[in-house]
Amino acid sequence: RDPVWPQAVMDVSVIEADDPYDEPRGDTPI
C-alpha cells in the first residue's frame, strides 16, 4: 500500500507554489 507518513514528516515536506526546483513545471511533458 502507499506509505502513511506521520504529520511531522508531512509538515516539512510541503512544496511551496513558487518553488523554482519543482518539476515538472509549465508545459514540461510528463
PDB file of all heavy atoms in Angstrom:
ATOM      1  N   ARG A   1       0.853  -1.177   0.000  1.00  0.00           N
ATOM      2  CA  ARG A   1       0.000   0.000   0.000  1.00  0.00           C
ATOM      3  C   ARG A   1       0.891   1.230   0.000  1.00  0.00           C
ATOM      4  O   ARG A   1       2.095   1.144   0.245  1.00  0.00           O
ATOM      5  CB  ARG A   1      -0.922   0.022   1.212  1.00  0.00           C
ATOM      6  CG  ARG A   1      -0.192   0.088   2.537  1.00  0.00           C
ATOM      7  CD  ARG A   1      -1.176   0.088   3.695  1.00  0.00           C
ATOM      8  NE  ARG A   1      -0.502  -0.007   4.960  1.00  0.00           N
ATOM      9  CZ  ARG A   1      -0.124   1.016   5.694  1.00  0.00           C
ATOM     10  NH1 ARG A   1      -0.350   2.233   5.292  1.00  0.00           N
ATOM     11  NH2 ARG A   1       0.476   0.843   6.843  1.00  0.00           N
ATOM     12  N   ASP A   2       0.301   2.376  -0.274  1.00  0.00           N
ATOM     13  CA  ASP A   2       1.054   3.625  -0.230  1.00  0.00           C
ATOM     14  C   ASP A   2       1.483   3.903   1.206  1.00  0.00           C
ATOM     15  O   ASP A   2       0.755   3.585   2.158  1.00  0.00           O
ATOM     16  CB  ASP A   2       0.198   4.780  -0.736  1.00  0.00           C
ATOM     17  CG  ASP A   2      -0.051   4.693  -2.225  1.00  0.00           C
ATOM     18  OD1 ASP A   2       0.776   4.079  -2.922  1.00  0.00           O
ATOM     19  OD2 ASP A   2      -1.065   5.233  -2.683  1.00  0.00           O
ATOM     20  N   PRO A   3       2.656   4.500   1.392  1.00  0.00           N
ATOM     21  CA  PRO A   3       3.109   4.780   2.757  1.00  0.00           C
ATOM     22  C   PRO A   3       2.225   5.815   3.445  1.00  0.00           C
ATOM     23  O   PRO A   3       1.688   6.722   2.809  1.00  0.00           O
ATOM     24  CB  PRO A   3       4.522   5.319   2.567  1.00  0.00           C
ATOM     25  CG  PRO A   3       4.584   5.775   1.158  1.00  0.00           C
ATOM     26  CD  PRO A   3       3.614   4.946   0.380  1.00  0.00           C
ATOM     27  N   VAL A   4       2.078   5.655   4.751  1.00  0.00           N
ATOM     28  CA  VAL A   4       1.348   6.616   5.572  1.00  0.00           C
ATOM     29  C   VAL A   4       2.389   7.318   6.439  1.00  0.00           C
ATOM     30  O   VAL A   4       2.977   6.702   7.324  1.00  0.00           O
ATOM     31  CB  VAL A   4       0.285   5.910   6.451  1.00  0.00           C
ATOM     32  CG1 VAL A   4      -0.417   6.915   7.327  1.00  0.00           C
ATOM     33  CG2 VAL A   4      -0.695   5.151   5.580  1.00  0.00           C
ATOM     34  N   TRP A   5       2.624   8.599   6.149  1.00  0.00           N
ATOM     35  CA  TRP A   5       3.662   9.340   6.837  1.00  0.00           C
ATOM     36  C   TRP A   5       3.089  10.057   8.059  1.00  0.00           C
ATOM     37  O   TRP A   5       1.957  10.509   8.043  1.00  0.00           O
ATOM     38  CB  TRP A   5       4.272  10.380   5.898  1.00  0.00           C
ATOM     39  CG  TRP A   5       4.910   9.768   4.702  1.00  0.00           C
ATOM     40  CD1 TRP A   5       4.395   9.710   3.448  1.00  0.00           C
ATOM     41  CD2 TRP A   5       6.161   9.098   4.642  1.00  0.00           C
ATOM     42  NE1 TRP A   5       5.256   9.057   2.614  1.00  0.00           N
ATOM     43  CE2 TRP A   5       6.350   8.664   3.323  1.00  0.00           C
ATOM     44  CE3 TRP A   5       7.147   8.817   5.577  1.00  0.00           C
ATOM     45  CZ2 TRP A   5       7.481   7.981   2.915  1.00  0.00           C
ATOM     46  CZ3 TRP A   5       8.281   8.136   5.168  1.00  0.00           C
ATOM     47  CH2 TRP A   5       8.437   7.724   3.853  1.00  0.00           C
ATOM     48  N   PRO A   6       3.890  10.195   9.123  1.00  0.00           N
ATOM     49  CA  PRO A   6       3.460  10.977  10.279  1.00  0.00           C
ATOM     50  C   PRO A   6       3.266  12.446   9.881  1.00  0.00           C
ATOM     51  O   PRO A   6       3.865  12.927   8.914  1.00  0.00           O
ATOM     52  CB  PRO A   6       4.616  10.837  11.270  1.00  0.00           C
ATOM     53  CG  PRO A   6       5.437   9.703  10.791  1.00  0.00           C
ATOM     54  CD  PRO A   6       5.185   9.564   9.333  1.00  0.00           C
ATOM     55  N   GLN A   7       2.449  13.148  10.635  1.00  0.00           N
ATOM     56  CA  GLN A   7       2.147  14.547  10.315  1.00  0.00           C
ATOM     57  C   GLN A   7       3.396  15.419  10.338  1.00  0.00           C
ATOM     58  O   GLN A   7       3.524  16.352   9.559  1.00  0.00           O
ATOM     59  CB  GLN A   7       1.089  15.098  11.272  1.00  0.00           C
ATOM     60  CG  GLN A   7       0.557  16.445  10.858  1.00  0.00           C
ATOM     61  CD  GLN A   7      -0.068  16.428   9.460  1.00  0.00           C
ATOM     62  OE1 GLN A   7      -0.764  15.491   9.102  1.00  0.00           O
ATOM     63  NE2 GLN A   7       0.188  17.472   8.689  1.00  0.00           N
ATOM     64  N   ALA A   8       4.356  15.102  11.210  1.00  0.00           N
ATOM     65  CA  ALA A   8       5.596  15.889  11.269  1.00  0.00           C
ATOM     66  C   ALA A   8       6.356  15.805   9.951  1.00  0.00           C
ATOM     67  O   ALA A   8       6.927  16.801   9.479  1.00  0.00           O
ATOM     68  CB  ALA A   8       6.475  15.398  12.413  1.00  0.00           C
ATOM     69  N   VAL A   9       6.366  14.650   9.324  1.00  0.00           N
ATOM     70  CA  VAL A   9       7.032  14.490   8.033  1.00  0.00           C
ATOM     71  C   VAL A   9       6.259  15.240   6.956  1.00  0.00           C
ATOM     72  O   VAL A   9       6.844  15.892   6.088  1.00  0.00           O
ATOM     73  CB  VAL A   9       7.178  12.991   7.681  1.00  0.00           C
ATOM     74  CG1 VAL A   9       7.705  12.804   6.271  1.00  0.00           C
ATOM     75  CG2 VAL A   9       8.068  12.288   8.684  1.00  0.00           C
ATOM     76  N   MET A  10       4.935  15.164   6.997  1.00  0.00           N
ATOM     77  CA  MET A  10       4.113  15.867   6.022  1.00  0.00           C
ATOM     78  C   MET A  10       4.311  17.385   6.118  1.00  0.00           C
ATOM     79  O   MET A  10       4.324  18.080   5.107  1.00  0.00           O
ATOM     80  CB  MET A  10       2.634  15.518   6.214  1.00  0.00           C
ATOM     81  CG  MET A  10       2.317  14.054   5.980  1.00  0.00           C
ATOM     82  SD  MET A  10       2.675  13.503   4.327  1.00  0.00           S
ATOM     83  CE  MET A  10       1.358  14.307   3.443  1.00  0.00           C
ATOM     84  N   ASP A  11       4.500  17.893   7.349  1.00  0.00           N
ATOM     85  CA  ASP A  11       4.672  19.327   7.549  1.00  0.00           C
ATOM     86  C   ASP A  11       5.976  19.840   6.937  1.00  0.00           C
ATOM     87  O   ASP A  11       6.014  20.934   6.378  1.00  0.00           O
ATOM     88  CB  ASP A  11       4.634  19.674   9.035  1.00  0.00           C
ATOM     89  CG  ASP A  11       3.248  19.460   9.626  1.00  0.00           C
ATOM     90  OD1 ASP A  11       2.269  19.397   8.850  1.00  0.00           O
ATOM     91  OD2 ASP A  11       3.155  19.341  10.866  1.00  0.00           O
ATOM     92  N   VAL A  12       7.059  19.055   7.031  1.00  0.00           N
ATOM     93  CA  VAL A  12       8.338  19.514   6.475  1.00  0.00           C
ATOM     94  C   VAL A  12       8.465  19.184   4.993  1.00  0.00           C
ATOM     95  O   VAL A  12       9.411  19.624   4.347  1.00  0.00           O
ATOM     96  CB  VAL A  12       9.541  18.921   7.245  1.00  0.00           C
ATOM     97  CG1 VAL A  12       9.543  19.394   8.682  1.00  0.00           C
ATOM     98  CG2 VAL A  12       9.581  17.425   7.140  1.00  0.00           C
ATOM     99  N   SER A  13       7.535  18.430   4.439  1.00  0.00           N
ATOM    100  CA  SER A  13       7.608  18.019   3.034  1.00  0.00           C
ATOM    101  C   SER A  13       6.719  18.844   2.114  1.00  0.00           C
ATOM    102  O   SER A  13       6.552  18.480   0.957  1.00  0.00           O
ATOM    103  CB  SER A  13       7.221  16.545   2.917  1.00  0.00           C
ATOM    104  OG  SER A  13       8.063  15.747   3.695  1.00  0.00           O
ATOM    105  N   VAL A  14       6.169  19.933   2.600  1.00  0.00           N
ATOM    106  CA  VAL A  14       5.279  20.754   1.785  1.00  0.00           C
ATOM    107  C   VAL A  14       6.096  21.475   0.715  1.00  0.00           C
ATOM    108  O   VAL A  14       7.137  22.063   1.009  1.00  0.00           O
ATOM    109  CB  VAL A  14       4.525  21.775   2.668  1.00  0.00           C
ATOM    110  CG1 VAL A  14       3.719  22.727   1.820  1.00  0.00           C
ATOM    111  CG2 VAL A  14       3.644  21.050   3.661  1.00  0.00           C
ATOM    112  N   ILE A  15       5.634  21.412  -0.524  1.00  0.00           N
ATOM    113  CA  ILE A  15       6.292  22.103  -1.634  1.00  0.00           C
ATOM    114  C   ILE A  15       5.557  23.408  -1.871  1.00  0.00           C
ATOM    115  O   ILE A  15       4.351  23.411  -2.113  1.00  0.00           O
ATOM    116  CB  ILE A  15       6.286  21.231  -2.902  1.00  0.00           C
ATOM    117  CG1 ILE A  15       7.042  19.933  -2.647  1.00  0.00           C
ATOM    118  CG2 ILE A  15       6.883  22.000  -4.073  1.00  0.00           C
ATOM    119  CD1 ILE A  15       6.971  18.957  -3.781  1.00  0.00           C
ATOM    120  N   GLU A  16       6.290  24.499  -1.806  1.00  0.00           N
ATOM    121  CA  GLU A  16       5.683  25.806  -1.997  1.00  0.00           C
ATOM    122  C   GLU A  16       5.323  26.007  -3.462  1.00  0.00           C
ATOM    123  O   GLU A  16       5.951  25.438  -4.354  1.00  0.00           O
ATOM    124  CB  GLU A  16       6.633  26.889  -1.518  1.00  0.00           C
ATOM    125  CG  GLU A  16       6.898  26.792  -0.027  1.00  0.00           C
ATOM    126  CD  GLU A  16       7.844  27.856   0.457  1.00  0.00           C
ATOM    127  OE1 GLU A  16       8.026  28.864  -0.241  1.00  0.00           O
ATOM    128  OE2 GLU A  16       8.400  27.669   1.545  1.00  0.00           O
ATOM    129  N   ALA A  17       4.315  26.840  -3.707  1.00  0.00           N
ATOM    130  CA  ALA A  17       3.822  27.045  -5.073  1.00  0.00           C
ATOM    131  C   ALA A  17       4.861  27.680  -5.982  1.00  0.00           C
ATOM    132  O   ALA A  17       4.907  27.388  -7.171  1.00  0.00           O
ATOM    133  CB  ALA A  17       2.566  27.905  -5.037  1.00  0.00           C
ATOM    134  N   ASP A  18       5.740  28.523  -5.443  1.00  0.00           N
ATOM    135  CA  ASP A  18       6.734  29.201  -6.281  1.00  0.00           C
ATOM    136  C   ASP A  18       8.123  28.576  -6.176  1.00  0.00           C
ATOM    137  O   ASP A  18       9.125  29.228  -6.438  1.00  0.00           O
ATOM    138  CB  ASP A  18       6.791  30.685  -5.930  1.00  0.00           C
ATOM    139  CG  ASP A  18       7.203  30.906  -4.478  1.00  0.00           C
ATOM    140  OD1 ASP A  18       7.142  29.946  -3.693  1.00  0.00           O
ATOM    141  OD2 ASP A  18       7.588  32.043  -4.151  1.00  0.00           O
ATOM    142  N   ASP A  19       8.194  27.318  -5.818  1.00  0.00           N
ATOM    143  CA  ASP A  19       9.474  26.617  -5.701  1.00  0.00           C
ATOM    144  C   ASP A  19      10.142  26.522  -7.073  1.00  0.00           C
ATOM    145  O   ASP A  19       9.585  25.927  -7.994  1.00  0.00           O
ATOM    146  CB  ASP A  19       9.247  25.219  -5.125  1.00  0.00           C
ATOM    147  CG  ASP A  19      10.542  24.479  -4.848  1.00  0.00           C
ATOM    148  OD1 ASP A  19      11.624  25.033  -5.114  1.00  0.00           O
ATOM    149  OD2 ASP A  19      10.475  23.333  -4.367  1.00  0.00           O
ATOM    150  N   PRO A  20      11.351  27.102  -7.248  1.00  0.00           N
ATOM    151  CA  PRO A  20      11.985  27.083  -8.570  1.00  0.00           C
ATOM    152  C   PRO A  20      12.477  25.699  -8.988  1.00  0.00           C
ATOM    153  O   PRO A  20      12.771  25.475 -10.150  1.00  0.00           O
ATOM    154  CB  PRO A  20      13.160  28.053  -8.414  1.00  0.00           C
ATOM    155  CG  PRO A  20      13.458  28.054  -6.966  1.00  0.00           C
ATOM    156  CD  PRO A  20      12.143  27.828  -6.274  1.00  0.00           C
ATOM    157  N   TYR A  21      12.577  24.760  -8.045  1.00  0.00           N
ATOM    158  CA  TYR A  21      13.068  23.432  -8.370  1.00  0.00           C
ATOM    159  C   TYR A  21      11.955  22.407  -8.516  1.00  0.00           C
ATOM    160  O   TYR A  21      12.215  21.226  -8.700  1.00  0.00           O
ATOM    161  CB  TYR A  21      14.067  22.966  -7.309  1.00  0.00           C
ATOM    162  CG  TYR A  21      15.240  23.900  -7.208  1.00  0.00           C
ATOM    163  CD1 TYR A  21      15.363  24.790  -6.160  1.00  0.00           C
ATOM    164  CD2 TYR A  21      16.206  23.918  -8.196  1.00  0.00           C
ATOM    165  CE1 TYR A  21      16.435  25.661  -6.081  1.00  0.00           C
ATOM    166  CE2 TYR A  21      17.281  24.777  -8.133  1.00  0.00           C
ATOM    167  CZ  TYR A  21      17.390  25.644  -7.070  1.00  0.00           C
ATOM    168  OH  TYR A  21      18.441  26.507  -7.001  1.00  0.00           O
ATOM    169  N   ASP A  22      10.713  22.847  -8.427  1.00  0.00           N
ATOM    170  CA  ASP A  22       9.578  21.934  -8.565  1.00  0.00           C
ATOM    171  C   ASP A  22       9.469  21.484 -10.018  1.00  0.00           C
ATOM    172  O   ASP A  22       9.376  22.299 -10.926  1.00  0.00           O
ATOM    173  CB  ASP A  22       8.289  22.619  -8.123  1.00  0.00           C
ATOM    174  CG  ASP A  22       7.116  21.661  -8.068  1.00  0.00           C
ATOM    175  OD1 ASP A  22       7.348  20.447  -7.966  1.00  0.00           O
ATOM    176  OD2 ASP A  22       5.977  22.143  -8.135  1.00  0.00           O
ATOM    177  N   GLU A  23       9.542  20.199 -10.254  1.00  0.00           N
ATOM    178  CA  GLU A  23       9.453  19.640 -11.606  1.00  0.00           C
ATOM    179  C   GLU A  23       8.347  18.617 -11.647  1.00  0.00           C
ATOM    180  O   GLU A  23       8.120  17.931 -10.672  1.00  0.00           O
ATOM    181  CB  GLU A  23      10.773  18.955 -11.988  1.00  0.00           C
ATOM    182  CG  GLU A  23      11.934  19.902 -12.159  1.00  0.00           C
ATOM    183  CD  GLU A  23      11.845  20.739 -13.420  1.00  0.00           C
ATOM    184  OE1 GLU A  23      11.102  20.359 -14.336  1.00  0.00           O
ATOM    185  OE2 GLU A  23      12.506  21.768 -13.471  1.00  0.00           O
ATOM    186  N   PRO A  24       7.670  18.405 -12.710  1.00  0.00           N
ATOM    187  CA  PRO A  24       7.694  19.202 -13.931  1.00  0.00           C
ATOM    188  C   PRO A  24       6.867  20.458 -13.748  1.00  0.00           C
ATOM    189  O   PRO A  24       5.928  20.500 -12.974  1.00  0.00           O
ATOM    190  CB  PRO A  24       7.062  18.286 -14.966  1.00  0.00           C
ATOM    191  CG  PRO A  24       6.136  17.430 -14.196  1.00  0.00           C
ATOM    192  CD  PRO A  24       6.772  17.248 -12.842  1.00  0.00           C
ATOM    193  N   ARG A  25       7.222  21.488 -14.469  1.00  0.00           N
ATOM    194  CA  ARG A  25       6.502  22.745 -14.367  1.00  0.00           C
ATOM    195  C   ARG A  25       6.144  23.233 -15.763  1.00  0.00           C
ATOM    196  O   ARG A  25       6.782  22.858 -16.742  1.00  0.00           O
ATOM    197  CB  ARG A  25       7.321  23.780 -13.622  1.00  0.00           C
ATOM    198  CG  ARG A  25       8.588  24.158 -14.318  1.00  0.00           C
ATOM    199  CD  ARG A  25       9.273  25.285 -13.541  1.00  0.00           C
ATOM    200  NE  ARG A  25      10.593  25.488 -14.061  1.00  0.00           N
ATOM    201  CZ  ARG A  25      11.687  24.994 -13.537  1.00  0.00           C
ATOM    202  NH1 ARG A  25      11.614  24.279 -12.450  1.00  0.00           N
ATOM    203  NH2 ARG A  25      12.856  25.206 -14.081  1.00  0.00           N
ATOM    204  N   GLY A  26       5.148  24.088 -15.814  1.00  0.00           N
ATOM    205  CA  GLY A  26       4.753  24.669 -17.084  1.00  0.00           C
ATOM    206  C   GLY A  26       4.263  23.614 -18.069  1.00  0.00           C
ATOM    207  O   GLY A  26       3.460  22.753 -17.720  1.00  0.00           O
ATOM    208  N   ASP A  27       4.810  23.670 -19.260  1.00  0.00           N
ATOM    209  CA  ASP A  27       4.387  22.728 -20.291  1.00  0.00           C
ATOM    210  C   ASP A  27       5.377  21.577 -20.456  1.00  0.00           C
ATOM    211  O   ASP A  27       5.468  20.975 -21.518  1.00  0.00           O
ATOM    212  CB  ASP A  27       4.187  23.457 -21.617  1.00  0.00           C
ATOM    213  CG  ASP A  27       5.442  24.185 -22.059  1.00  0.00           C
ATOM    214  OD1 ASP A  27       6.390  24.275 -21.272  1.00  0.00           O
ATOM    215  OD2 ASP A  27       5.459  24.659 -23.214  1.00  0.00           O
ATOM    216  N   THR A  28       6.146  21.281 -19.415  1.00  0.00           N
ATOM    217  CA  THR A  28       7.074  20.161 -19.473  1.00  0.00           C
ATOM    218  C   THR A  28       6.285  18.867 -19.586  1.00  0.00           C
ATOM    219  O   THR A  28       5.408  18.601 -18.761  1.00  0.00           O
ATOM    220  CB  THR A  28       7.960  20.109 -18.212  1.00  0.00           C
ATOM    221  OG1 THR A  28       8.630  21.351 -18.067  1.00  0.00           O
ATOM    222  CG2 THR A  28       8.966  18.984 -18.292  1.00  0.00           C
ATOM    223  N   PRO A  29       6.574  18.037 -20.597  1.00  0.00           N
ATOM    224  CA  PRO A  29       5.824  16.787 -20.750  1.00  0.00           C
ATOM    225  C   PRO A  29       6.143  15.813 -19.622  1.00  0.00           C
ATOM    226  O   PRO A  29       7.259  15.789 -19.104  1.00  0.00           O
ATOM    227  CB  PRO A  29       6.298  16.253 -22.096  1.00  0.00           C
ATOM    228  CG  PRO A  29       7.594  16.924 -22.354  1.00  0.00           C
ATOM    229  CD  PRO A  29       7.564  18.229 -21.649  1.00  0.00           C
ATOM    230  N   ILE A  30       5.151  15.024 -19.261  1.00  0.00           N
ATOM    231  CA  ILE A  30       5.317  14.032 -18.203  1.00  0.00           C
ATOM    232  C   ILE A  30       5.299  12.659 -18.845  1.00  0.00           C
ATOM    233  O   ILE A  30       4.356  12.304 -19.543  1.00  0.00           O
ATOM    234  CB  ILE A  30       4.198  14.153 -17.157  1.00  0.00           C
ATOM    235  CG1 ILE A  30       4.235  15.537 -16.523  1.00  0.00           C
ATOM    236  CG2 ILE A  30       4.338  13.070 -16.095  1.00  0.00           C
ATOM    237  CD1 ILE A  30       3.073  15.806 -15.607  1.00  0.00           C
TER     238      ILE A  30
END
